[in-house]
Amino acid sequence: MSPVASLNADKRFRRAHVKPANKRRRWRGLFKALFVYGLVVAALAFGCYRVSIGAAQAHVLKVDRIVVRGNERLSKGEVLAVLNGLRGESLVWTDLDAWRRRLLASPWVGDAALRRSLPSTVEVVISERQPVGIGRINSDMYLVDDHGVIIDQYGPQYTDLDLPIVDGLSASPNDSPTMTDEVRADLAARLIAAIKARPAIARRLSQIDVSDAHNAKIILSGDPAVIHLGDDQFLPHLESYLQLAAALRERVAEIDYVDLRFEDRIYVRPAFAPSASARSALRRDKPALRRGKLAGKK
């Protein structure tokens, strides 16, 4: 018998059958631990949620006070009427963005901010629209802001506002009678803003006509002439007219309109002119203006 065969026949020299560790049992233990951990976390999360719900529903965290700031034309009562239903809601869970959108639907409200203040207060800060003129639309008068937004119908409650009347704001006869044209509203707003730089002149601004989106026309209090200012350089044009007004009336006693849109000429149409040939064109000489004189051209 060969040595190899004898070794194989002897059981003492057989390789031991070593079984590997039970991997299935080890993974099962791991999954069990994770499952228990997940249950604990879920229970804690649910408990925190229930606590937060209970806290939010607690009387101490319900809206009990609404503080309104920034309102001038809108009364506090009008603001609270828009926010009707906010009082008593959960301070934590109430949707302040939704309440803000309600406020923005009010024509007087240009912007609004709502903030929570523990334990039971909501602070409301209003930014009101600022009317720049009284728009005449289909014979009705409306307060309008610098974007042409109609704020409210003009009435006795607004007589303290010293604002010019603005004609020509209507967008189209087919549109809503209270709709304004954005381009014409912008023209009027730019004109008003420019003239505000000279308060003494701004106080005389009586009427504005923006029917022509490229030519704003105005009337000053104490002066019946219609003044054509174009679509820019409003204040320089108007100041030139005011410097020349006395000299113009020495030549033309009653003026229908004055056109200041041209760099080197002022066109004057006499009132009740029988024909276009009766219009007078006066040259504006800048050095002469500085000397307080008028250089005319026949």
C-alpha atoms as a PDB file:
ATOM      1  CA  MET A   1       0.000   0.000   0.000  1.00  0.00           C
ATOM      2  CA  SER A   2       1.354   3.349  -0.965  1.00  0.00           C
ATOM      3  CA  PRO A   3       2.024   5.990   1.659  1.00  0.00           C
ATOM      4  CA  VAL A   4      -0.576   8.272   0.106  1.00  0.00           C
ATOM      5  CA  ALA A   5      -3.264   5.645   0.189  1.00  0.00           C
ATOM      6  CA  SER A   6      -2.502   4.827   3.787  1.00  0.00           C
ATOM      7  CA  LEU A   7      -2.793   8.449   4.757  1.00  0.00           C
ATOM      8  CA  ASN A   8      -6.169   8.701   3.034  1.00  0.00           C
ATOM      9  CA  ALA A   9      -7.365   5.576   4.759  1.00  0.00           C
ATOM     10  CA  ASP A  10      -6.391   6.822   8.195  1.00  0.00           C
ATOM     11  CA  LYS A  11      -9.231   8.923   9.529  1.00  0.00           C
ATOM     12  CA  ARG A  12      -6.849  10.863  11.730  1.00  0.00           C
ATOM     13  CA  PHE A  13      -5.431  12.547   8.648  1.00  0.00           C
ATOM     14  CA  ARG A  14      -8.828  13.594   7.171  1.00  0.00           C
ATOM     15  CA  ARG A  15      -9.397  17.379   6.784  1.00  0.00           C
ATOM     16  CA  ALA A  16     -11.742  18.674   9.400  1.00  0.00           C
ATOM     17  CA  HIS A  17     -15.091  19.886   8.049  1.00  0.00           C
ATOM     18  CA  VAL A  18     -15.164  23.516   9.358  1.00  0.00           C
ATOM     19  CA  LYS A  19     -18.520  25.191   8.771  1.00  0.00           C
ATOM     20  CA  PRO A  20     -18.519  29.027   8.157  1.00  0.00           C
ATOM     21  CA  ALA A  21     -20.425  31.299  10.513  1.00  0.00           C
ATOM     22  CA  ASN A  22     -24.103  31.549   9.868  1.00  0.00           C
ATOM     23  CA  LYS A  23     -24.367  34.730   7.779  1.00  0.00           C
ATOM     24  CA  ARG A  24     -28.117  34.503   7.577  1.00  0.00           C
ATOM     25  CA  ARG A  25     -28.422  34.627  11.325  1.00  0.00           C
ATOM     26  CA  ARG A  26     -26.107  37.634  11.510  1.00  0.00           C
ATOM     27  CA  TRP A  27     -28.127  39.632   8.913  1.00  0.00           C
ATOM     28  CA  ARG A  28     -31.334  38.706  10.662  1.00  0.00           C
ATOM     29  CA  GLY A  29     -30.010  40.208  13.898  1.00  0.00           C
ATOM     30  CA  LEU A  30     -28.950  43.369  12.090  1.00  0.00           C
ATOM     31  CA  PHE A  31     -32.352  43.805  10.471  1.00  0.00           C
ATOM     32  CA  LYS A  32     -34.046  43.281  13.803  1.00  0.00           C
ATOM     33  CA  ALA A  33     -31.911  45.977  15.423  1.00  0.00           C
ATOM     34  CA  LEU A  34     -32.639  48.393  12.591  1.00  0.00           C
ATOM     35  CA  PHE A  35     -36.339  47.643  12.802  1.00  0.00           C
ATOM     36  CA  VAL A  36     -36.407  48.337  16.522  1.00  0.00           C
ATOM     37  CA  TYR A  37     -34.429  51.546  16.008  1.00  0.00           C
ATOM     38  CA  GLY A  38     -36.843  52.662  13.280  1.00  0.00           C
ATOM     39  CA  LEU A  39     -39.817  52.029  15.544  1.00  0.00           C
ATOM     40  CA  VAL A  40     -38.225  54.117  18.284  1.00  0.00           C
ATOM     41  CA  VAL A  41     -37.499  56.999  15.882  1.00  0.00           C
ATOM     42  CA  ALA A  42     -41.012  56.861  14.425  1.00  0.00           C
ATOM     43  CA  ALA A  43     -42.521  56.868  17.900  1.00  0.00           C
ATOM     44  CA  LEU A  44     -40.421  59.887  18.887  1.00  0.00           C
ATOM     45  CA  ALA A  45     -41.310  61.727  15.680  1.00  0.00           C
ATOM     46  CA  PHE A  46     -45.005  61.018  16.162  1.00  0.00           C
ATOM     47  CA  GLY A  47     -44.768  62.169  19.745  1.00  0.00           C
ATOM     48  CA  CYS A  48     -43.082  65.417  18.717  1.00  0.00           C
ATOM     49  CA  TYR A  49     -45.722  65.943  16.032  1.00  0.00           C
ATOM     50  CA  ARG A  50     -48.537  65.430  18.502  1.00  0.00           C
ATOM     51  CA  VAL A  51     -46.867  67.780  20.957  1.00  0.00           C
ATOM     52  CA  SER A  52     -46.466  70.450  18.266  1.00  0.00           C
ATOM     53  CA  ILE A  53     -50.098  70.034  17.216  1.00  0.00           C
ATOM     54  CA  GLY A  54     -51.188  70.341  20.802  1.00  0.00           C
ATOM     55  CA  ALA A  55     -48.989  73.391  21.322  1.00  0.00           C
ATOM     56  CA  ALA A  56     -50.273  74.991  18.133  1.00  0.00           C
ATOM     57  CA  GLN A  57     -53.847  74.384  19.213  1.00  0.00           C
ATOM     58  CA  ALA A  58     -53.191  75.725  22.653  1.00  0.00           C
ATOM     59  CA  HIS A  59     -54.952  78.993  23.399  1.00  0.00           C
ATOM     60  CA  VAL A  60     -51.689  80.768  24.071  1.00  0.00           C
ATOM     61  CA  LEU A  61     -50.554  80.200  20.451  1.00  0.00           C
ATOM     62  CA  LYS A  62     -53.747  81.339  18.754  1.00  0.00           C
ATOM     63  CA  VAL A  63     -53.874  84.741  17.051  1.00  0.00           C
ATOM     64  CA  ASP A  64     -55.459  87.065  19.565  1.00  0.00           C
ATOM     65  CA  ARG A  65     -54.019  90.430  18.538  1.00  0.00           C
ATOM     66  CA  ILE A  66     -53.422  92.067  15.127  1.00  0.00           C
ATOM     67  CA  VAL A  67     -51.199  95.149  15.040  1.00  0.00           C
ATOM     68  CA  VAL A  68     -51.527  97.360  11.925  1.00  0.00           C
ATOM     69  CA  ARG A  69     -48.850  99.878  10.913  1.00  0.00           C
ATOM     70  CA  GLY A  70     -48.140 102.068   7.870  1.00  0.00           C
ATOM     71  CA  ASN A  71     -51.768 102.772   6.973  1.00  0.00           C
ATOM     72  CA  GLU A  72     -52.791 106.373   6.332  1.00  0.00           C
ATOM     73  CA  ARG A  73     -55.779 106.458   4.001  1.00  0.00           C
ATOM     74  CA  LEU A  74     -56.923 102.964   4.930  1.00  0.00           C
ATOM     75  CA  SER A  75     -58.347 102.830   8.433  1.00  0.00           C
ATOM     76  CA  LYS A  76     -57.358 100.067  10.817  1.00  0.00           C
ATOM     77  CA  GLY A  77     -60.943  98.827  10.670  1.00  0.00           C
ATOM     78  CA  GLU A  78     -60.747  98.443   6.887  1.00  0.00           C
ATOM     79  CA  VAL A  79     -57.533  96.433   7.194  1.00  0.00           C
ATOM     80  CA  LEU A  80     -59.026  94.197   9.882  1.00  0.00           C
ATOM     81  CA  ALA A  81     -62.120  93.686   7.736  1.00  0.00           C
ATOM     82  CA  VAL A  82     -59.900  92.276   4.963  1.00  0.00           C
ATOM     83  CA  LEU A  83     -58.221  90.022   7.560  1.00  0.00           C
ATOM     84  CA  ASN A  84     -61.508  88.823   8.975  1.00  0.00           C
ATOM     85  CA  GLY A  85     -60.998  85.234  10.156  1.00  0.00           C
ATOM     86  CA  LEU A  86     -57.320  85.534  11.009  1.00  0.00           C
ATOM     87  CA  ARG A  87     -58.036  86.135  14.676  1.00  0.00           C
ATOM     88  CA  GLY A  88     -58.386  82.766  16.434  1.00  0.00           C
ATOM     89  CA  GLU A  89     -56.257  80.833  13.956  1.00  0.00           C
ATOM     90  CA  SER A  90     -53.086  79.033  14.986  1.00  0.00           C
ATOM     91  CA  LEU A  91     -50.176  81.440  15.059  1.00  0.00           C
ATOM     92  CA  VAL A  92     -47.869  78.592  14.026  1.00  0.00           C
ATOM     93  CA  TRP A  93     -49.823  77.068  11.166  1.00  0.00           C
ATOM     94  CA  THR A  94     -51.858  79.919   9.658  1.00  0.00           C
ATOM     95  CA  ASP A  95     -50.842  80.766   6.064  1.00  0.00           C
ATOM     96  CA  LEU A  96     -49.653  84.380   6.248  1.00  0.00           C
ATOM     97  CA  ASP A  97     -48.930  84.442   2.515  1.00  0.00           C
ATOM     98  CA  ALA A  98     -52.597  83.792   1.795  1.00  0.00           C
ATOM     99  CA  TRP A  99     -53.619  86.634   4.131  1.00  0.00           C
ATOM    100  CA  ARG A 100     -51.077  88.908   2.447  1.00  0.00           C
ATOM    101  CA  ARG A 101     -52.634  88.160  -0.956  1.00  0.00           C
ATOM    102  CA  ARG A 102     -55.986  89.214   0.442  1.00  0.00           C
ATOM    103  CA  LEU A 103     -54.520  92.534   1.505  1.00  0.00           C
ATOM    104  CA  LEU A 104     -52.900  93.105  -1.887  1.00  0.00           C
ATOM    105  CA  ALA A 105     -56.331  92.807  -3.505  1.00  0.00           C
ATOM    106  CA  SER A 106     -57.253  96.121  -1.833  1.00  0.00           C
ATOM    107  CA  PRO A 107     -56.662  98.993  -4.322  1.00  0.00           C
ATOM    108  CA  TRP A 108     -55.001 101.175  -1.674  1.00  0.00           C
ATOM    109  CA  VAL A 109     -52.449  98.496  -0.710  1.00  0.00           C
ATOM    110  CA  GLY A 110     -49.295  98.589  -2.807  1.00  0.00           C
ATOM    111  CA  ASP A 111     -47.444  96.086  -0.613  1.00  0.00           C
ATOM    112  CA  ALA A 112     -47.881  94.376   2.740  1.00  0.00           C
ATOM    113  CA  ALA A 113     -45.835  92.311   5.169  1.00  0.00           C
ATOM    114  CA  LEU A 114     -47.203  90.036   7.905  1.00  0.00           C
ATOM    115  CA  ARG A 115     -45.026  88.733  10.751  1.00  0.00           C
ATOM    116  CA  ARG A 116     -45.654  86.383  13.662  1.00  0.00           C
ATOM    117  CA  SER A 117     -44.895  87.685  17.137  1.00  0.00           C
ATOM    118  CA  LEU A 118     -45.111  85.242  20.040  1.00  0.00           C
ATOM    119  CA  PRO A 119     -47.175  84.386  21.863  1.00  0.00           C
ATOM    120  CA  SER A 120     -50.332  85.467  19.988  1.00  0.00           C
ATOM    121  CA  THR A 121     -49.758  88.532  17.765  1.00  0.00           C
ATOM    122  CA  VAL A 122     -49.592  89.121  14.019  1.00  0.00           C
ATOM    123  CA  GLU A 123     -47.933  92.364  12.930  1.00  0.00           C
ATOM    124  CA  VAL A 124     -49.169  93.873   9.655  1.00  0.00           C
ATOM    125  CA  VAL A 125     -47.135  96.562   7.881  1.00  0.00           C
ATOM    126  CA  ILE A 126     -48.982  98.312   5.039  1.00  0.00           C
ATOM    127  CA  SER A 127     -47.377 100.247   2.181  1.00  0.00           C
ATOM    128  CA  GLU A 128     -50.112 102.283   0.547  1.00  0.00           C
ATOM    129  CA  ARG A 129     -50.259 103.392  -3.064  1.00  0.00           C
ATOM    130  CA  GLN A 130     -49.525 107.069  -3.559  1.00  0.00           C
ATOM    131  CA  PRO A 131     -51.957 108.879  -5.879  1.00  0.00           C
ATOM    132  CA  VAL A 132     -50.241 111.223  -8.327  1.00  0.00           C
ATOM    133  CA  GLY A 133     -53.275 112.519 -10.166  1.00  0.00           C
ATOM    134  CA  ILE A 134     -57.031 112.504 -10.611  1.00  0.00           C
ATOM    135  CA  GLY A 135     -57.789 110.558 -13.766  1.00  0.00           C
ATOM    136  CA  ARG A 136     -60.853 111.614 -15.725  1.00  0.00           C
ATOM    137  CA  ILE A 137     -62.255 108.490 -17.379  1.00  0.00           C
ATOM    138  CA  ASN A 138     -65.659 108.592 -19.049  1.00  0.00           C
ATOM    139  CA  SER A 139     -66.604 111.703 -17.075  1.00  0.00           C
ATOM    140  CA  ASP A 140     -65.820 109.976 -13.773  1.00  0.00           C
ATOM    141  CA  MET A 141     -62.874 110.960 -11.590  1.00  0.00           C
ATOM    142  CA  TYR A 142     -60.496 108.429 -10.050  1.00  0.00           C
ATOM    143  CA  LEU A 143     -57.356 108.589  -7.957  1.00  0.00           C
ATOM    144  CA  VAL A 144     -54.514 106.962  -9.925  1.00  0.00           C
ATOM    145  CA  ASP A 145     -50.968 106.062  -8.904  1.00  0.00           C
ATOM    146  CA  ASP A 146     -47.740 106.364 -10.901  1.00  0.00           C
ATOM    147  CA  HIS A 147     -48.469 103.072 -12.716  1.00  0.00           C
ATOM    148  CA  GLY A 148     -51.954 104.142 -13.743  1.00  0.00           C
ATOM    149  CA  VAL A 149     -53.566 101.839 -11.174  1.00  0.00           C
ATOM    150  CA  ILE A 150     -56.964 103.138 -10.153  1.00  0.00           C
ATOM    151  CA  ILE A 151     -57.022 103.433  -6.383  1.00  0.00           C
ATOM    152  CA  ASP A 152     -60.486 104.786  -5.647  1.00  0.00           C
ATOM    153  CA  GLN A 153     -63.179 107.004  -7.077  1.00  0.00           C
ATOM    154  CA  TYR A 154     -62.470 110.621  -6.279  1.00  0.00           C
ATOM    155  CA  GLY A 155     -64.883 112.128  -3.779  1.00  0.00           C
ATOM    156  CA  PRO A 156     -65.245 114.703  -0.996  1.00  0.00           C
ATOM    157  CA  GLN A 157     -63.088 112.580   1.335  1.00  0.00           C
ATOM    158  CA  TYR A 158     -60.092 113.348  -0.862  1.00  0.00           C
ATOM    159  CA  THR A 159     -60.441 117.109  -1.246  1.00  0.00           C
ATOM    160  CA  ASP A 160     -57.308 117.565   0.871  1.00  0.00           C
ATOM    161  CA  LEU A 161     -55.247 116.074  -1.975  1.00  0.00           C
ATOM    162  CA  ASP A 162     -53.818 118.765  -4.247  1.00  0.00           C
ATOM    163  CA  LEU A 163     -53.480 116.754  -7.460  1.00  0.00           C
ATOM    164  CA  PRO A 164     -53.694 117.611 -11.160  1.00  0.00           C
ATOM    165  CA  ILE A 165     -56.488 116.292 -13.337  1.00  0.00           C
ATOM    166  CA  VAL A 166     -55.187 113.798 -15.898  1.00  0.00           C
ATOM    167  CA  ASP A 167     -57.047 113.238 -19.188  1.00  0.00           C
ATOM    168  CA  GLY A 168     -56.347 110.642 -21.857  1.00  0.00           C
ATOM    169  CA  LEU A 169     -55.592 107.675 -19.598  1.00  0.00           C
ATOM    170  CA  SER A 170     -58.259 105.373 -21.032  1.00  0.00           C
ATOM    171  CA  ALA A 171     -56.746 102.279 -22.649  1.00  0.00           C
ATOM    172  CA  SER A 172     -59.423 101.711 -25.280  1.00  0.00           C
ATOM    173  CA  PRO A 173     -63.159 102.361 -25.711  1.00  0.00           C
ATOM    174  CA  ASN A 174     -63.641  98.584 -25.876  1.00  0.00           C
ATOM    175  CA  ASP A 175     -61.900  97.965 -22.574  1.00  0.00           C
ATOM    176  CA  SER A 176     -63.239  98.386 -19.080  1.00  0.00           C
ATOM    177  CA  PRO A 177     -64.051 102.070 -18.393  1.00  0.00           C
ATOM    178  CA  THR A 178     -61.719 102.000 -15.405  1.00  0.00           C
ATOM    179  CA  MET A 179     -58.747 100.531 -17.291  1.00  0.00           C
ATOM    180  CA  THR A 180     -55.820 102.817 -17.991  1.00  0.00           C
ATOM    181  CA  ASP A 181     -53.146 102.691 -20.658  1.00  0.00           C
ATOM    182  CA  GLU A 182     -49.740 101.859 -19.195  1.00  0.00           C
ATOM    183  CA  VAL A 183     -47.714 103.988 -21.640  1.00  0.00           C
ATOM    184  CA  ARG A 184     -49.854 107.088 -21.146  1.00  0.00           C
ATOM    185  CA  ALA A 185     -49.906 106.579 -17.392  1.00  0.00           C
ATOM    186  CA  ASP A 186     -46.110 106.366 -17.406  1.00  0.00           C
ATOM    187  CA  LEU A 187     -45.898 109.602 -19.425  1.00  0.00           C
ATOM    188  CA  ALA A 188     -48.092 111.414 -16.902  1.00  0.00           C
ATOM    189  CA  ALA A 189     -46.152 109.987 -13.955  1.00  0.00           C
ATOM    190  CA  ARG A 190     -42.779 111.017 -15.401  1.00  0.00           C
ATOM    191  CA  LEU A 191     -44.044 114.516 -16.065  1.00  0.00           C
ATOM    192  CA  ILE A 192     -45.422 114.918 -12.548  1.00  0.00           C
ATOM    193  CA  ALA A 193     -42.225 113.537 -10.985  1.00  0.00           C
ATOM    194  CA  ALA A 194     -40.053 115.910 -13.039  1.00  0.00           C
ATOM    195  CA  ILE A 195     -42.074 118.996 -12.155  1.00  0.00           C
ATOM    196  CA  LYS A 196     -42.110 118.085  -8.458  1.00  0.00           C
ATOM    197  CA  ALA A 197     -38.459 119.111  -8.400  1.00  0.00           C
ATOM    198  CA  ARG A 198     -39.752 122.696  -8.519  1.00  0.00           C
ATOM    199  CA  PRO A 199     -42.493 122.886  -5.855  1.00  0.00           C
ATOM    200  CA  ALA A 200     -43.506 126.412  -6.834  1.00  0.00           C
ATOM    201  CA  ILE A 201     -44.234 125.218 -10.381  1.00  0.00           C
ATOM    202  CA  ALA A 202     -45.723 121.908  -9.239  1.00  0.00           C
ATOM    203  CA  ARG A 203     -48.337 123.771  -7.194  1.00  0.00           C
ATOM    204  CA  ARG A 204     -49.524 125.471 -10.388  1.00  0.00           C
ATOM    205  CA  LEU A 205     -49.932 122.220 -12.327  1.00  0.00           C
ATOM    206  CA  SER A 206     -53.681 122.079 -12.924  1.00  0.00           C
ATOM    207  CA  GLN A 207     -54.366 119.702 -15.827  1.00  0.00           C
ATOM    208  CA  ILE A 208     -52.472 117.124 -17.876  1.00  0.00           C
ATOM    209  CA  ASP A 209     -53.518 115.567 -21.169  1.00  0.00           C
ATOM    210  CA  VAL A 210     -51.707 112.407 -22.313  1.00  0.00           C
ATOM    211  CA  SER A 211     -54.051 111.446 -25.153  1.00  0.00           C
ATOM    212  CA  ASP A 212     -50.975 111.596 -27.400  1.00  0.00           C
ATOM    213  CA  ALA A 213     -48.483 109.156 -25.873  1.00  0.00           C
ATOM    214  CA  HIS A 214     -45.613 111.226 -27.341  1.00  0.00           C
ATOM    215  CA  ASN A 215     -46.791 114.679 -26.359  1.00  0.00           C
ATOM    216  CA  ALA A 216     -47.921 115.603 -22.865  1.00  0.00           C
ATOM    217  CA  LYS A 217     -49.946 118.802 -22.675  1.00  0.00           C
ATOM    218  CA  ILE A 218     -50.550 120.764 -19.508  1.00  0.00           C
ATOM    219  CA  ILE A 219     -52.433 123.789 -18.196  1.00  0.00           C
ATOM    220  CA  LEU A 220     -51.089 125.853 -15.325  1.00  0.00           C
ATOM    221  CA  SER A 221     -53.362 127.585 -12.858  1.00  0.00           C
ATOM    222  CA  GLY A 222     -53.647 131.277 -13.736  1.00  0.00           C
ATOM    223  CA  ASP A 223     -52.648 130.616 -17.368  1.00  0.00           C
ATOM    224  CA  PRO A 224     -55.264 129.428 -19.896  1.00  0.00           C
ATOM    225  CA  ALA A 225     -52.693 128.452 -22.561  1.00  0.00           C
ATOM    226  CA  VAL A 226     -52.247 124.768 -23.340  1.00  0.00           C
ATOM    227  CA  ILE A 227     -48.525 123.974 -23.125  1.00  0.00           C
ATOM    228  CA  HIS A 228     -47.117 121.150 -25.278  1.00  0.00           C
ATOM    229  CA  LEU A 229     -44.107 119.564 -23.545  1.00  0.00           C
ATOM    230  CA  GLY A 230     -43.412 116.439 -25.618  1.00  0.00           C
ATOM    231  CA  ASP A 231     -42.305 113.206 -23.917  1.00  0.00           C
ATOM    232  CA  ASP A 232     -39.107 114.298 -22.141  1.00  0.00           C
ATOM    233  CA  GLN A 233     -37.246 117.351 -20.820  1.00  0.00           C
ATOM    234  CA  PHE A 234     -40.483 118.471 -19.199  1.00  0.00           C
ATOM    235  CA  LEU A 235     -39.061 120.810 -16.591  1.00  0.00           C
ATOM    236  CA  PRO A 236     -36.508 122.598 -18.853  1.00  0.00           C
ATOM    237  CA  HIS A 237     -39.208 123.171 -21.477  1.00  0.00           C
ATOM    238  CA  LEU A 238     -41.646 124.492 -18.916  1.00  0.00           C
ATOM    239  CA  GLU A 239     -39.070 126.734 -17.277  1.00  0.00           C
ATOM    240  CA  SER A 240     -38.255 128.216 -20.698  1.00  0.00           C
ATOM    241  CA  TYR A 241     -41.928 128.977 -21.256  1.00  0.00           C
ATOM    242  CA  LEU A 242     -42.277 130.648 -17.869  1.00  0.00           C
ATOM    243  CA  GLN A 243     -39.266 132.832 -18.618  1.00  0.00           C
ATOM    244  CA  LEU A 244     -40.815 133.891 -21.930  1.00  0.00           C
ATOM    245  CA  ALA A 245     -44.480 134.057 -20.928  1.00  0.00           C
ATOM    246  CA  ALA A 246     -44.575 137.836 -20.388  1.00  0.00           C
ATOM    247  CA  ALA A 247     -42.760 138.553 -23.658  1.00  0.00           C
ATOM    248  CA  LEU A 248     -45.036 136.138 -25.535  1.00  0.00           C
ATOM    249  CA  ARG A 249     -48.124 137.939 -24.321  1.00  0.00           C
ATOM    250  CA  GLU A 250     -46.744 141.246 -25.462  1.00  0.00           C
ATOM    251  CA  ARG A 251     -46.873 139.821 -28.972  1.00  0.00           C
ATOM    252  CA  VAL A 252     -49.941 137.597 -28.629  1.00  0.00           C
ATOM    253  CA  ALA A 253     -52.464 138.821 -26.103  1.00  0.00           C
ATOM    254  CA  GLU A 254     -54.561 135.638 -25.995  1.00  0.00           C
ATOM    255  CA  ILE A 255     -52.778 132.334 -26.578  1.00  0.00           C
ATOM    256  CA  ASP A 256     -54.498 129.096 -27.534  1.00  0.00           C
ATOM    257  CA  TYR A 257     -51.438 126.860 -27.125  1.00  0.00           C
ATOM    258  CA  VAL A 258     -47.661 126.980 -26.928  1.00  0.00           C
ATOM    259  CA  ASP A 259     -45.572 124.156 -28.418  1.00  0.00           C
ATOM    260  CA  LEU A 260     -42.174 123.701 -26.751  1.00  0.00           C
ATOM    261  CA  ARG A 261     -41.157 120.400 -28.304  1.00  0.00           C
ATOM    262  CA  PHE A 262     -38.615 121.859 -30.717  1.00  0.00           C
ATOM    263  CA  GLU A 263     -35.092 122.753 -29.761  1.00  0.00           C
ATOM    264  CA  ASP A 264     -34.810 126.190 -31.360  1.00  0.00           C
ATOM    265  CA  ARG A 265     -38.405 127.345 -31.766  1.00  0.00           C
ATOM    266  CA  ILE A 266     -41.495 128.028 -29.732  1.00  0.00           C
ATOM    267  CA  TYR A 267     -44.724 127.779 -31.684  1.00  0.00           C
ATOM    268  CA  VAL A 268     -47.597 129.906 -30.452  1.00  0.00           C
ATOM    269  CA  ARG A 269     -51.174 129.693 -31.711  1.00  0.00           C
ATOM    270  CA  PRO A 270     -53.305 132.719 -30.859  1.00  0.00           C
ATOM    271  CA  ALA A 271     -56.737 132.048 -29.415  1.00  0.00           C
ATOM    272  CA  PHE A 272     -59.560 132.145 -31.958  1.00  0.00           C
ATOM    273  CA  ALA A 273     -57.047 132.176 -34.836  1.00  0.00           C
ATOM    274  CA  PRO A 274     -58.987 132.357 -38.138  1.00  0.00           C
ATOM    275  CA  SER A 275     -56.602 129.996 -39.916  1.00  0.00           C
ATOM    276  CA  ALA A 276     -53.366 128.099 -39.588  1.00  0.00           C
ATOM    277  CA  SER A 277     -51.544 131.039 -41.151  1.00  0.00           C
ATOM    278  CA  ALA A 278     -52.284 133.023 -38.019  1.00  0.00           C
ATOM    279  CA  ARG A 279     -49.931 130.824 -35.967  1.00  0.00           C
ATOM    280  CA  SER A 280     -46.798 132.534 -34.792  1.00  0.00           C
ATOM    281  CA  ALA A 281     -43.401 130.873 -34.551  1.00  0.00           C
ATOM    282  CA  LEU A 282     -40.918 132.532 -32.242  1.00  0.00           C
ATOM    283  CA  ARG A 283     -37.256 131.634 -32.208  1.00  0.00           C
ATOM    284  CA  ARG A 284     -35.753 130.923 -28.821  1.00  0.00           C
ATOM    285  CA  ASP A 285     -32.249 132.295 -28.555  1.00  0.00           C
ATOM    286  CA  LYS A 286     -30.473 130.819 -25.509  1.00  0.00           C
ATOM    287  CA  PRO A 287     -27.969 133.688 -24.971  1.00  0.00           C
ATOM    288  CA  ALA A 288     -30.831 136.159 -25.183  1.00  0.00           C
ATOM    289  CA  LEU A 289     -32.813 134.118 -22.685  1.00  0.00           C
ATOM    290  CA  ARG A 290     -29.956 134.360 -20.218  1.00  0.00           C
ATOM    291  CA  ARG A 291     -30.094 138.139 -20.637  1.00  0.00           C
ATOM    292  CA  GLY A 292     -33.844 138.059 -20.082  1.00  0.00           C
ATOM    293  CA  LYS A 293     -34.598 139.069 -23.695  1.00  0.00           C
ATOM    294  CA  LEU A 294     -36.521 137.385 -26.508  1.00  0.00           C
ATOM    295  CA  ALA A 295     -35.070 137.027 -29.991  1.00  0.00           C
ATOM    296  CA  GLY A 296     -37.994 136.782 -32.397  1.00  0.00           C
ATOM    297  CA  LYS A 297     -38.214 135.795 -36.014  1.00  0.00           C
ATOM    298  CA  LYS A 298     -40.948 137.211 -38.251  1.00  0.00           C
END
